[in-house]
């Protein structure tokens, strides 16, 4: 418990937990969007913080950090990305396909059954990355669909993906967005905006309910990891026993001896023999 208390005390805005809490403050989230997009927003409404989208029981569910809608029904999904993860099986970075999947499930969630497609609202998927995914130095990378035969021709589906690079060195961003980047990177307060964020985090860390929520969440995650590890070990042992049984069958040993040697049932060994 002491370790969890220390971990909580050391949390920064890079933590998903703190990021969600800070962005749940309307004045902070609204100002961030206004400064990033250089627009005026009359108001925002929270669709659901940390919303889980899982349209089918066989599909991969996703947990979205912050989803808000402005007064013009534009929907924004804000995500903090600390690690540039790779799929070890394919050796490819997961962020591009992750953004595609987020967009698809968000659209499904926004369009009610039987509604026409044109009622889909404009959306922004915004990843705040503490790394430069494209290694071009841009502060912001904004993506919309365009025609390959005519790059000036844009598909007006009103879906935008923005990958923010807090390690960027060039581009056109406001003073408050630059200060936000500095705060994310180095915990440096340089403007009133980042002071608001820093004060909010300090307030959160003094809130015993928030502290308890974090510790319970971490305890649950630890239990899930332990259960997953135990299941993985059990599955590994079962697979090893099956592999051993197959080798022994190929050597001509009888079913009863193989069952004793591998802890498999006679029926299981018989099934392997029949394969």
Protein backbone atom coordinates (compact mmCIF):
# COMPACT_ATOMS: atom_id res chain seq x y z
CA UNK A 1 0.00 0.00 0.00
CA UNK A 2 2.90 2.33 0.72
CA UNK A 3 4.22 1.77 -2.80
CA UNK A 4 0.82 2.70 -4.24
CA UNK A 5 0.69 5.83 -2.07
CA UNK A 6 4.12 6.87 -3.34
CA UNK A 7 3.09 6.12 -6.91
CA UNK A 8 -0.01 8.28 -6.51
CA UNK A 9 2.01 11.17 -5.07
CA UNK A 10 4.37 11.04 -8.08
CA UNK A 11 1.67 10.96 -10.77
CA UNK A 12 1.88 13.56 -13.54
CA UNK A 13 -0.43 14.54 -16.36
CA UNK A 14 1.20 11.78 -18.43
CA UNK A 15 -0.70 9.28 -16.28
CA UNK A 16 -4.00 8.19 -17.85
CA UNK A 17 -5.64 8.46 -14.45
CA UNK A 18 -4.57 12.09 -13.85
CA UNK A 19 -5.10 13.06 -17.50
CA UNK A 20 -8.72 11.91 -17.36
CA UNK A 21 -9.31 13.74 -14.09
CA UNK A 22 -7.79 17.00 -15.36
CA UNK A 23 -9.60 16.89 -18.69
CA UNK A 24 -12.85 16.24 -16.86
CA UNK A 25 -12.62 19.89 -15.78
CA UNK A 26 -14.65 21.68 -18.43
CA UNK A 27 -12.69 24.95 -18.43
CA UNK A 28 -9.40 23.12 -19.02
CA UNK A 29 -10.61 20.74 -21.71
CA UNK A 30 -12.56 23.45 -23.52
CA UNK A 31 -9.59 25.83 -23.55
CA UNK A 32 -7.24 23.11 -24.81
CA UNK A 33 -9.55 22.37 -27.74
CA UNK A 34 -10.03 26.05 -28.55
CA UNK A 35 -6.29 26.72 -28.55
CA UNK A 36 -5.46 23.58 -30.51
CA UNK A 37 -8.06 24.12 -33.24
CA UNK A 38 -8.08 27.93 -33.07
CA UNK A 39 -11.86 28.07 -32.77
CA UNK A 40 -14.35 29.42 -30.26
CA UNK A 41 -16.46 26.86 -28.43
CA UNK A 42 -19.52 28.08 -26.54
CA UNK A 43 -19.76 24.98 -24.37
CA UNK A 44 -18.82 21.32 -24.19
CA UNK A 45 -20.66 18.34 -22.77
CA UNK A 46 -19.06 15.14 -21.57
CA UNK A 47 -20.45 12.11 -23.32
CA UNK A 48 -18.74 9.81 -20.83
CA UNK A 49 -15.28 9.83 -19.30
CA UNK A 50 -13.35 6.63 -19.96
CA UNK A 51 -16.14 5.26 -22.13
CA UNK A 52 -15.95 1.62 -23.17
CA UNK A 53 -17.12 0.86 -26.70
CA UNK A 54 -17.80 -2.81 -27.35
CA UNK A 55 -20.48 -3.31 -30.02
CA UNK A 56 -20.16 -7.10 -30.25
CA UNK A 57 -19.10 -9.66 -27.66
CA UNK A 58 -16.58 -11.08 -30.14
CA UNK A 59 -14.98 -7.72 -30.96
CA UNK A 60 -12.09 -5.97 -29.26
CA UNK A 61 -13.45 -3.38 -26.85
CA UNK A 62 -11.71 -0.06 -26.44
CA UNK A 63 -11.60 2.27 -23.46
CA UNK A 64 -11.67 5.91 -24.46
CA UNK A 65 -10.19 8.49 -22.10
CA UNK A 66 -12.31 11.59 -22.75
CA UNK A 67 -15.19 12.14 -25.18
CA UNK A 68 -16.81 15.56 -25.37
CA UNK A 69 -19.22 17.24 -27.76
CA UNK A 70 -19.30 20.98 -28.38
CA UNK A 71 -22.29 23.25 -29.04
CA UNK A 72 -22.13 22.44 -32.77
CA UNK A 73 -22.27 18.66 -32.10
CA UNK A 74 -18.64 18.09 -33.06
CA UNK A 75 -17.30 15.17 -31.02
CA UNK A 76 -13.76 15.01 -29.66
CA UNK A 77 -11.91 12.02 -28.27
CA UNK A 78 -8.76 12.95 -26.32
CA UNK A 79 -6.12 10.33 -25.52
CA UNK A 80 -2.74 10.55 -23.78
CA UNK A 81 -0.10 8.32 -25.40
CA UNK A 82 3.12 7.81 -23.43
CA UNK A 83 4.54 4.74 -25.19
CA UNK A 84 5.00 4.19 -28.92
CA UNK A 85 4.00 0.54 -28.73
CA UNK A 86 4.85 -2.13 -31.29
CA UNK A 87 3.12 -5.42 -32.00
CA UNK A 88 5.87 -7.97 -31.26
CA UNK A 89 4.36 -10.45 -33.72
CA UNK A 90 4.37 -8.07 -36.71
CA UNK A 91 7.06 -5.60 -35.56
CA UNK A 92 4.78 -2.73 -36.58
CA UNK A 93 3.71 0.31 -34.56
CA UNK A 94 0.11 0.10 -33.40
CA UNK A 95 -0.84 3.81 -33.27
CA UNK A 96 -2.09 4.23 -36.88
CA UNK A 97 -4.39 1.18 -36.82
CA UNK A 98 -5.44 2.07 -33.29
CA UNK A 99 -6.66 5.47 -34.49
CA UNK A 100 -8.55 3.77 -37.31
CA UNK A 101 -10.26 1.38 -34.90
CA UNK A 102 -11.13 4.17 -32.46
CA UNK A 103 -12.74 6.14 -35.28
CA UNK A 104 -14.77 3.14 -36.49
CA UNK A 105 -16.19 2.25 -33.09
CA UNK A 106 -16.84 5.86 -32.20
CA UNK A 107 -18.88 6.23 -35.39
CA UNK A 108 -20.87 3.09 -34.60
CA UNK A 109 -21.60 4.44 -31.14
CA UNK A 110 -22.66 7.86 -32.46
CA UNK A 111 -25.04 6.59 -35.13
CA UNK A 112 -28.17 5.07 -33.70
CA UNK A 113 -29.74 2.01 -35.35
CA UNK A 114 -31.82 2.98 -38.36
CA UNK A 115 -30.43 6.51 -38.65
CA UNK A 116 -29.08 7.73 -42.01
CA UNK A 117 -25.30 7.98 -42.36
CA UNK A 118 -25.39 11.71 -42.98
CA UNK A 119 -26.36 12.25 -39.34
CA UNK A 120 -22.87 11.22 -38.24
CA UNK A 121 -21.40 14.28 -36.51
CA UNK A 122 -17.94 15.70 -37.21
CA UNK A 123 -15.29 13.92 -35.11
CA UNK A 124 -11.74 14.55 -33.96
CA UNK A 125 -9.58 11.71 -32.66
CA UNK A 126 -6.74 13.47 -30.82
CA UNK A 127 -3.68 11.58 -29.56
CA UNK A 128 -1.38 13.58 -27.28
CA UNK A 129 1.95 11.79 -27.79
CA UNK A 130 5.11 12.35 -25.75
CA UNK A 131 7.09 11.06 -28.73
CA UNK A 132 7.42 12.05 -32.39
CA UNK A 133 5.71 9.20 -34.21
CA UNK A 134 6.66 10.44 -37.68
CA UNK A 135 10.06 11.87 -36.67
CA UNK A 136 9.49 15.04 -38.72
CA UNK A 137 9.58 17.51 -35.83
CA UNK A 138 6.03 18.83 -36.30
CA UNK A 139 4.11 20.01 -33.27
CA UNK A 140 0.93 18.63 -34.82
CA UNK A 141 0.16 16.09 -37.55
CA UNK A 142 -3.41 16.45 -38.88
CA UNK A 143 -4.97 13.83 -41.13
CA UNK A 144 -8.00 13.88 -43.39
CA UNK A 145 -8.82 11.69 -46.37
CA UNK A 146 -7.79 13.07 -49.76
CA UNK A 147 -7.84 11.85 -53.36
CA UNK A 148 -4.52 10.35 -54.54
CA UNK A 149 -5.17 11.58 -58.07
CA UNK A 150 -5.90 15.11 -56.87
CA UNK A 151 -4.39 15.95 -53.48
CA UNK A 152 -6.51 19.10 -53.22
CA UNK A 153 -9.69 17.00 -53.36
CA UNK A 154 -10.76 16.06 -49.84
CA UNK A 155 -13.36 13.46 -48.87
CA UNK A 156 -15.91 15.46 -46.83
CA UNK A 157 -16.60 12.77 -44.24
CA UNK A 158 -15.81 15.24 -41.41
CA UNK A 159 -13.51 12.77 -39.66
CA UNK A 160 -10.16 14.16 -38.49
CA UNK A 161 -7.26 12.50 -36.71
CA UNK A 162 -4.69 14.67 -34.95
CA UNK A 163 -1.44 13.29 -33.57
CA UNK A 164 0.15 15.84 -31.26
CA UNK A 165 3.90 15.70 -30.72
CA UNK A 166 4.93 17.25 -27.41
CA UNK A 167 8.58 16.85 -28.46
CA UNK A 168 8.01 18.90 -31.63
CA UNK A 169 10.21 21.79 -32.74
CA UNK A 170 8.27 23.55 -35.49
CA UNK A 171 4.81 24.39 -36.71
CA UNK A 172 2.07 26.90 -35.93
CA UNK A 173 0.70 26.42 -32.43
CA UNK A 174 -0.50 28.89 -29.83
CA UNK A 175 1.44 29.99 -26.77
CA UNK A 176 -0.86 27.98 -24.51
CA UNK A 177 -0.44 24.78 -26.53
CA UNK A 178 3.34 25.19 -26.44
CA UNK A 179 3.17 25.73 -22.69
CA UNK A 180 0.96 22.65 -22.40
CA UNK A 181 3.60 20.62 -24.27
CA UNK A 182 6.31 21.92 -21.93
CA UNK A 183 4.19 20.99 -18.95
CA UNK A 184 3.54 17.46 -20.26
CA UNK A 185 7.23 16.96 -21.00
CA UNK A 186 8.94 18.57 -18.02
CA UNK A 187 6.28 19.71 -15.53
CA UNK A 188 7.16 23.34 -16.28
CA UNK A 189 4.54 26.00 -15.52
CA UNK A 190 4.93 28.95 -17.91
CA UNK A 191 1.40 30.31 -18.44
CA UNK A 192 -1.85 30.79 -16.58
CA UNK A 193 -3.23 27.79 -18.47
CA UNK A 194 -0.57 25.37 -17.23
CA UNK A 195 -0.87 26.89 -13.75
CA UNK A 196 -4.56 25.96 -13.81
CA UNK A 197 -3.60 22.41 -14.76
CA UNK A 198 -0.90 22.20 -12.12
CA UNK A 199 -3.22 23.57 -9.43
CA UNK A 200 -5.87 21.04 -10.45
CA UNK A 201 -3.41 18.15 -10.12
CA UNK A 202 -2.30 19.41 -6.71
CA UNK A 203 -5.94 19.59 -5.64
CA UNK A 204 -6.60 16.06 -6.91
CA UNK A 205 -3.68 14.68 -4.93
CA UNK A 206 -5.12 16.16 -1.73
CA UNK A 207 -8.51 14.55 -2.35
CA UNK A 208 -8.74 11.35 -0.30
CA UNK A 209 -11.55 10.00 -2.52
CA UNK A 210 -9.39 10.39 -5.64
CA UNK A 211 -6.45 8.76 -3.84
CA UNK A 212 -8.64 5.83 -2.78
CA UNK A 213 -10.03 5.48 -6.31
CA UNK A 214 -6.50 5.28 -7.75
CA UNK A 215 -5.33 2.71 -5.21
CA UNK A 216 -8.38 0.51 -5.77
CA UNK A 217 -7.89 0.72 -9.53
CA UNK A 218 -4.22 -0.23 -9.22
CA UNK A 219 -5.06 -3.11 -6.89
CA UNK A 220 -7.59 -4.46 -9.40
CA UNK A 221 -5.09 -4.18 -12.24
CA UNK A 222 -2.49 -6.03 -10.16
CA UNK A 223 -4.98 -8.82 -9.45
CA UNK A 224 -5.85 -9.06 -13.16
CA UNK A 225 -2.17 -9.29 -14.10
CA UNK A 226 -1.60 -12.00 -11.51
CA UNK A 227 -4.61 -13.97 -12.75
CA UNK A 228 -3.46 -13.58 -16.33
CA UNK A 229 0.03 -14.77 -15.44
CA UNK A 230 -1.35 -17.80 -13.60
CA UNK A 231 -3.60 -18.66 -16.53
CA UNK A 232 -0.66 -18.28 -18.89
CA UNK A 233 1.47 -20.64 -16.81
CA UNK A 234 -1.34 -23.22 -16.68
CA UNK A 235 -1.89 -22.94 -20.44
CA UNK A 236 1.84 -23.28 -21.05
CA UNK A 237 2.02 -26.43 -18.95
CA UNK A 238 -0.97 -27.93 -20.77
CA UNK A 239 0.60 -27.18 -24.16
CA UNK A 240 3.89 -28.70 -23.01
CA UNK A 241 2.11 -31.88 -21.89
CA UNK A 242 0.37 -32.15 -25.26
CA UNK A 243 3.65 -31.69 -27.14
CA UNK A 244 5.31 -34.35 -24.96
CA UNK A 245 2.43 -36.75 -25.53
CA UNK A 246 2.69 -36.31 -29.30
CA UNK A 247 6.41 -37.07 -29.21
CA UNK A 248 5.84 -40.18 -27.09
CA UNK A 249 3.11 -41.36 -29.47
CA UNK A 250 5.51 -40.97 -32.38
CA UNK A 251 7.96 -43.18 -30.47
CA UNK A 252 5.37 -45.94 -30.20
CA UNK A 253 4.62 -45.79 -26.46
CA UNK A 254 1.20 -47.01 -25.36
CA UNK A 255 -1.62 -44.68 -24.39
CA UNK A 256 -1.72 -45.65 -20.71
CA UNK A 257 2.00 -44.93 -20.14
CA UNK A 258 1.80 -41.63 -21.96
CA UNK A 259 -1.19 -40.56 -19.83
CA UNK A 260 0.79 -41.30 -16.67
CA UNK A 261 3.88 -39.45 -17.93
CA UNK A 262 2.06 -36.28 -19.01
CA UNK A 263 -0.85 -36.05 -16.53
CA UNK A 264 -3.23 -36.09 -19.49
CA UNK A 265 -6.31 -38.29 -19.39
CA UNK A 266 -6.43 -41.45 -21.45
CA UNK A 267 -9.23 -39.90 -23.52
CA UNK A 268 -7.02 -36.88 -24.27
CA UNK A 269 -4.14 -39.07 -25.37
CA UNK A 270 -6.51 -41.18 -27.48
CA UNK A 271 -7.74 -38.01 -29.18
CA UNK A 272 -4.14 -36.97 -29.94
CA UNK A 273 -3.44 -40.41 -31.33
CA UNK A 274 -6.47 -40.18 -33.60
CA UNK A 275 -5.34 -36.85 -35.08
